[in-house]
Structures are given as C-alpha cells and as structure tokens.
Amino acid sequence: MVKLVYCVTKKAGLTDEEFFRYWEKTHGPIGARIPGLRKLVQSHRLTVSGDKHRPDYDGMAELWFDDVEALLAARQSPEWKSSTEDEANFIDHSKVAYFVSDERTILHDSQTSKEQKTSIAPMLSVRNGARAVEFYKAAFGARELFRIGDEGRGVVAQLAVGKSEFWVADESPEHLNFSPESLGGGTVRMVMVVDDPDAAFERAVAAGASVVRPVEDQPYGWRVGRILDPFGHHWEIGKPLGEGG
C-alpha cells in the first residue's frame, strides 16, 4: 500500500480548538468518501508543557491507497474535488506540504510484546487453485499475500480481503483434503461482513458466483445475502442492520 501524507497549517483566525474540531468532525467524513481510500488518519498537534518550539505545521493527514494507480484515480473523482474545496474552510493552503510514501516499519509493538499472537484462518480446498485465486481477486478484491505451486501441479495461496485472511489450496485426496465438488457439498460457510453488502454481492455475482439468496433485511437484525462460488463454497455477505445506514 501507499499513502499520501499532508502536513497542514490552520487558517488564520481559527483557534486550535476550532481547527481541530472542524478537521475531525466536519472535514473527516467528507474525506472518508473518497473512492479507493483504504485508511484515513489525522494526527493533531499537541501542546507539550515546557516545549518552546512552535512546529511548522498543526497536523498531518495520511490517506492510504492500494497503490499509486488507485491514488491517481481517486484524485480525478468528484469526492476528491469536494474534499479539496472544503479545505479552504480551515487550512492555509500556502503552508501545505505533501508527499507520497511507501511505508517501512522498523519496529512494531508485536516485536516487543511478550504475548504471542494467535490467529485462525480458513483454508478452502478447491479443484483448480489457480482459477480460484483469480476468482477471489475479481469477486472480493482479494490480495495475494503468498503463493506456491502453479496450475499444473497445484496451488497453495494466502489471500486477504481487508484485514481478513484465508487460504486456498488444490484438493489432495491423499491427504484427505477434498473440495466441495468432490464431496457433493461443503461443510463450512464463509461469512463476509462489509459496509455495502449489496455492492459486494453484485460484484461477486458479476465475477461468476451463483445467487443462493439475494441480499435482504432479516428479522434477526442483519442485511445479508448468500452466494455459491464456482468452486462449491458458500459465502454470506452482509452486515448488522443499523451500521452505516
């Protein structure tokens, strides 16, 4: 991922409180609507007791995108234009600095923590791992984190959708790993929680999934639909009602 870093200074006439409140509460939701934006972080300047140095900037914004192409596409959007126009209400544009960065983590708290990280990720057995990987990329926007093998001798791949990870592997009957196509059905069901179930559902169907149940509001408090992917795995796509409208 790449991020666009903005160093900003408040507009003349605004107090610190007015500047930071507008930036977070009013401008923040406007910027969050930019298409392709994966993460938006604001860093607000703190006044440290005893520090006589006045920093050149009052804060920093970080806008995260999948890659440079996604950033460039976002800059052409109406949402980007709206965000830029709103900046005139609280930012001094004559004192803005920005750059695009590729982050390098030198130290992470997991390296200093004594607590061992534990995670669980499903592994989906399929008949054609290479095709399955491409389907999950197209259907869910999955990113490929790790891969071994090829179409001729089988594939094992680690994929991620957002912050959630799962594995895909060609079935291996000799190791008692069978695909739903071999078994005549699956034994598990994947559940994907997203902000816009309708759009995610339509994307999966357009990529080749079959509709099992359309996206609908359910009496148990979810808006959810169910698809069957081309490799026999069932996916429920939805979110709790009341989240994000």
Protein backbone atom coordinates (compact mmCIF):
# COMPACT_ATOMS: atom_id res chain seq x y z
CA MET A 1 0.00 0.00 0.00
CA VAL A 2 0.99 3.63 -0.46
CA LYS A 3 -0.06 6.69 1.46
CA LEU A 4 -0.39 10.37 0.67
CA VAL A 5 0.90 12.46 3.58
CA TYR A 6 -0.37 16.01 4.07
CA CYS A 7 1.26 18.43 6.53
CA VAL A 8 -1.25 21.21 7.21
CA THR A 9 -1.45 24.56 9.00
CA LYS A 10 -4.66 26.07 10.32
CA LYS A 11 -6.31 29.01 8.60
CA ALA A 12 -5.68 32.40 10.14
CA GLY A 13 -8.34 33.44 12.63
CA LEU A 14 -9.15 29.93 13.87
CA THR A 15 -8.35 28.78 17.37
CA ASP A 16 -6.71 25.40 17.84
CA GLU A 17 -9.98 24.01 19.17
CA GLU A 18 -11.98 25.30 16.18
CA PHE A 19 -9.41 24.00 13.72
CA PHE A 20 -9.12 20.51 15.16
CA ARG A 21 -12.88 20.13 15.69
CA TYR A 22 -13.71 21.14 12.10
CA TRP A 23 -10.94 18.98 10.69
CA GLU A 24 -12.13 15.84 12.50
CA LYS A 25 -15.91 16.27 12.73
CA THR A 26 -16.75 18.11 9.51
CA HIS A 27 -13.93 17.50 7.04
CA GLY A 28 -13.14 13.95 8.16
CA PRO A 29 -16.42 12.42 6.89
CA ILE A 30 -16.01 14.30 3.59
CA GLY A 31 -12.54 12.86 3.03
CA ALA A 32 -13.67 9.38 4.08
CA ARG A 33 -15.94 9.25 1.00
CA ILE A 34 -13.02 9.37 -1.46
CA PRO A 35 -13.21 6.20 -3.63
CA GLY A 36 -10.41 3.68 -3.19
CA LEU A 37 -9.37 5.12 0.18
CA ARG A 38 -8.33 2.26 2.49
CA LYS A 39 -7.40 4.22 5.60
CA LEU A 40 -7.58 7.85 6.72
CA VAL A 41 -5.62 9.07 9.75
CA GLN A 42 -5.39 12.57 11.20
CA SER A 43 -2.55 13.50 13.57
CA HIS A 44 -3.40 16.60 15.62
CA ARG A 45 -0.61 18.72 17.11
CA LEU A 46 -0.28 18.55 20.88
CA THR A 47 0.99 21.32 23.10
CA VAL A 48 3.73 19.86 25.29
CA SER A 49 4.44 21.63 28.55
CA GLY A 50 7.89 23.22 28.57
CA ASP A 51 8.40 22.87 24.80
CA LYS A 52 9.11 26.38 23.48
CA HIS A 53 9.44 25.28 19.85
CA ARG A 54 6.50 26.17 17.63
CA PRO A 55 6.14 23.44 14.97
CA ASP A 56 5.87 24.42 11.33
CA TYR A 57 2.57 22.52 10.98
CA ASP A 58 -0.54 22.00 13.08
CA GLY A 59 -1.22 18.45 11.95
CA MET A 60 -0.76 15.70 9.44
CA ALA A 61 -3.21 13.64 7.39
CA GLU A 62 -2.44 10.20 5.97
CA LEU A 63 -4.54 8.81 3.11
CA TRP A 64 -3.87 5.14 2.36
CA PHE A 65 -4.47 3.51 -1.04
CA ASP A 66 -3.74 0.08 -2.53
CA ASP A 67 -1.23 1.53 -4.99
CA VAL A 68 -0.22 4.67 -6.86
CA GLU A 69 -2.75 3.93 -9.62
CA ALA A 70 -5.59 3.89 -7.08
CA LEU A 71 -4.37 7.21 -5.67
CA LEU A 72 -4.23 8.81 -9.11
CA ALA A 73 -7.71 7.54 -9.93
CA ALA A 74 -9.07 8.92 -6.65
CA ARG A 75 -7.68 12.36 -7.45
CA GLN A 76 -9.94 12.52 -10.50
CA SER A 77 -13.12 11.81 -8.52
CA PRO A 78 -15.85 14.30 -7.53
CA GLU A 79 -15.33 13.25 -3.90
CA TRP A 80 -11.69 14.33 -4.05
CA LYS A 81 -12.76 17.69 -5.50
CA SER A 82 -15.30 18.18 -2.70
CA SER A 83 -12.67 17.37 -0.08
CA THR A 84 -10.15 19.77 -1.61
CA GLU A 85 -12.71 22.58 -1.83
CA ASP A 86 -13.66 22.11 1.83
CA GLU A 87 -10.03 22.51 2.92
CA ALA A 88 -10.32 26.24 2.24
CA ASN A 89 -12.59 26.48 5.29
CA PHE A 90 -9.88 25.58 7.79
CA ILE A 91 -6.46 25.12 6.13
CA ASP A 92 -3.91 27.71 4.99
CA HIS A 93 -3.11 26.34 1.53
CA SER A 94 0.01 28.50 1.26
CA LYS A 95 1.57 26.40 4.03
CA VAL A 96 0.71 22.86 2.91
CA ALA A 97 3.35 20.21 2.22
CA TYR A 98 2.66 16.73 0.89
CA PHE A 99 4.36 13.64 -0.45
CA VAL A 100 3.54 10.06 -1.45
CA SER A 101 5.26 7.39 0.63
CA ASP A 102 5.86 3.66 0.76
CA GLU A 103 5.97 2.85 4.46
CA ARG A 104 8.80 0.85 6.05
CA THR A 105 8.14 -0.50 9.54
CA ILE A 106 11.34 -0.60 11.63
CA LEU A 107 9.76 -1.61 14.95
CA HIS A 108 6.26 -2.87 15.75
CA ASP A 109 4.76 -3.46 19.17
CA SER A 110 4.37 -7.15 18.34
CA GLN A 111 8.17 -7.35 18.31
CA THR A 112 8.39 -6.05 21.88
CA SER A 113 5.31 -7.75 23.31
CA LYS A 114 5.73 -10.96 25.28
CA GLU A 115 2.22 -12.05 24.34
CA GLN A 116 2.20 -14.46 21.42
CA LYS A 117 -0.10 -13.50 18.57
CA THR A 118 -2.73 -16.10 17.73
CA SER A 119 -4.85 -16.12 14.60
CA ILE A 120 -7.19 -18.52 12.85
CA ALA A 121 -7.74 -18.59 9.09
CA PRO A 122 -9.81 -21.00 6.99
CA MET A 123 -8.26 -22.96 4.13
CA LEU A 124 -10.61 -23.61 1.22
CA SER A 125 -9.99 -26.78 -0.78
CA VAL A 126 -10.81 -26.42 -4.49
CA ARG A 127 -10.32 -28.35 -7.69
CA ASN A 128 -8.47 -25.60 -9.53
CA GLY A 129 -6.46 -23.42 -7.18
CA ALA A 130 -5.08 -21.08 -9.82
CA ARG A 131 -8.56 -20.27 -11.17
CA ALA A 132 -9.94 -19.95 -7.65
CA VAL A 133 -7.31 -17.38 -6.70
CA GLU A 134 -8.20 -15.27 -9.73
CA PHE A 135 -11.92 -15.58 -8.94
CA TYR A 136 -11.49 -14.39 -5.35
CA LYS A 137 -9.45 -11.44 -6.58
CA ALA A 138 -12.18 -10.47 -9.02
CA ALA A 139 -15.14 -11.25 -6.76
CA PHE A 140 -13.92 -9.86 -3.44
CA GLY A 141 -10.92 -7.71 -4.28
CA ALA A 142 -8.63 -10.24 -2.56
CA ARG A 143 -4.92 -9.54 -2.37
CA GLU A 144 -2.37 -12.30 -2.82
CA LEU A 145 -0.01 -12.44 0.16
CA PHE A 146 1.74 -15.74 -0.52
CA ARG A 147 1.68 -18.41 -3.21
CA ILE A 148 3.47 -21.61 -4.12
CA GLY A 149 2.85 -24.02 -6.97
CA ASP A 150 1.32 -23.49 -10.37
CA GLU A 151 -1.73 -24.55 -12.34
CA GLY A 152 -0.06 -27.75 -13.46
CA ARG A 153 0.89 -29.16 -10.07
CA GLY A 154 -1.48 -27.44 -7.67
CA VAL A 155 -1.53 -24.14 -5.84
CA VAL A 156 -1.48 -23.07 -2.20
CA ALA A 157 -2.16 -19.35 -1.73
CA GLN A 158 -2.75 -16.98 1.16
CA LEU A 159 -5.25 -14.22 0.35
CA ALA A 160 -6.56 -11.20 2.22
CA VAL A 161 -9.77 -9.21 1.93
CA GLY A 162 -9.38 -6.07 4.00
CA LYS A 163 -7.66 -7.25 7.18
CA SER A 164 -9.12 -10.77 7.00
CA GLU A 165 -7.01 -13.60 5.62
CA PHE A 166 -7.83 -17.03 4.21
CA TRP A 167 -6.06 -19.76 2.27
CA VAL A 168 -6.89 -21.53 -0.98
CA ALA A 169 -5.40 -24.87 -1.98
CA ASP A 170 -5.94 -27.52 -4.61
CA GLU A 171 -7.60 -30.55 -3.09
CA SER A 172 -5.34 -33.50 -2.24
CA PRO A 173 -7.32 -36.71 -1.62
CA GLU A 174 -4.14 -38.43 -0.50
CA HIS A 175 -4.10 -36.03 2.45
CA LEU A 176 -7.87 -36.28 2.98
CA ASN A 177 -8.43 -32.74 1.69
CA PHE A 178 -11.46 -32.71 -0.60
CA SER A 179 -13.18 -29.90 -2.46
CA PRO A 180 -16.96 -29.37 -2.23
CA GLU A 181 -17.19 -30.55 -5.84
CA SER A 182 -15.73 -33.92 -4.84
CA LEU A 183 -17.88 -34.20 -1.71
CA GLY A 184 -21.08 -33.00 -3.35
CA GLY A 185 -21.32 -30.04 -0.97
CA GLY A 186 -19.38 -28.08 1.61
CA THR A 187 -19.17 -28.45 5.39
CA VAL A 188 -18.50 -24.80 6.20
CA ARG A 189 -19.90 -21.43 5.20
CA MET A 190 -17.85 -18.26 4.85
CA VAL A 191 -19.29 -15.03 6.29
CA MET A 192 -18.01 -11.71 4.93
CA VAL A 193 -19.04 -8.53 6.75
CA VAL A 194 -18.79 -5.38 4.62
CA ASP A 195 -20.06 -1.80 4.69
CA ASP A 196 -22.06 -2.23 1.47
CA PRO A 197 -23.38 -5.81 1.17
CA ASP A 198 -25.41 -5.03 -1.95
CA ALA A 199 -22.38 -3.78 -3.90
CA ALA A 200 -20.13 -6.61 -2.69
CA PHE A 201 -22.81 -9.16 -3.56
CA GLU A 202 -23.26 -7.76 -7.07
CA ARG A 203 -19.51 -7.79 -7.64
CA ALA A 204 -19.25 -11.45 -6.66
CA VAL A 205 -22.14 -12.43 -8.93
CA ALA A 206 -20.63 -10.46 -11.82
CA ALA A 207 -17.39 -12.39 -11.31
CA GLY A 208 -19.18 -15.72 -11.68
CA ALA A 209 -20.83 -16.61 -8.35
CA SER A 210 -24.38 -18.02 -8.25
CA VAL A 211 -27.13 -16.46 -6.19
CA VAL A 212 -28.40 -18.71 -3.40
CA ARG A 213 -30.36 -15.98 -1.60
CA PRO A 214 -30.46 -12.26 -2.53
CA VAL A 215 -29.42 -9.56 -0.10
CA GLU A 216 -32.35 -8.75 2.18
CA ASP A 217 -33.06 -7.39 5.65
CA GLN A 218 -33.53 -10.31 8.01
CA PRO A 219 -35.67 -10.40 11.19
CA TYR A 220 -32.62 -11.37 13.25
CA GLY A 221 -31.04 -7.96 12.64
CA TRP A 222 -28.82 -8.43 9.60
CA ARG A 223 -28.91 -7.36 5.96
CA VAL A 224 -27.38 -10.36 4.24
CA GLY A 225 -27.37 -12.47 1.08
CA ARG A 226 -25.77 -15.78 0.14
CA ILE A 227 -23.80 -16.85 -2.93
CA LEU A 228 -22.20 -20.06 -4.16
CA ASP A 229 -18.77 -19.56 -5.69
CA PRO A 230 -17.72 -21.57 -8.79
CA PHE A 231 -15.73 -23.97 -6.59
CA GLY A 232 -18.58 -25.03 -4.34
CA HIS A 233 -18.04 -22.77 -1.33
CA HIS A 234 -20.94 -20.79 0.15
CA TRP A 235 -20.46 -17.17 1.20
CA GLU A 236 -22.82 -15.00 3.20
CA ILE A 237 -22.27 -11.30 2.53
CA GLY A 238 -23.85 -8.81 4.87
CA LYS A 239 -23.69 -6.54 7.90
CA PRO A 240 -25.72 -5.90 11.07
CA LEU A 241 -28.64 -3.55 10.45
CA GLY A 242 -28.04 -0.05 11.71
CA GLU A 243 -24.35 0.02 10.73
CA GLY A 244 -23.59 2.67 8.15
CA GLY A 245 -27.22 3.36 7.28
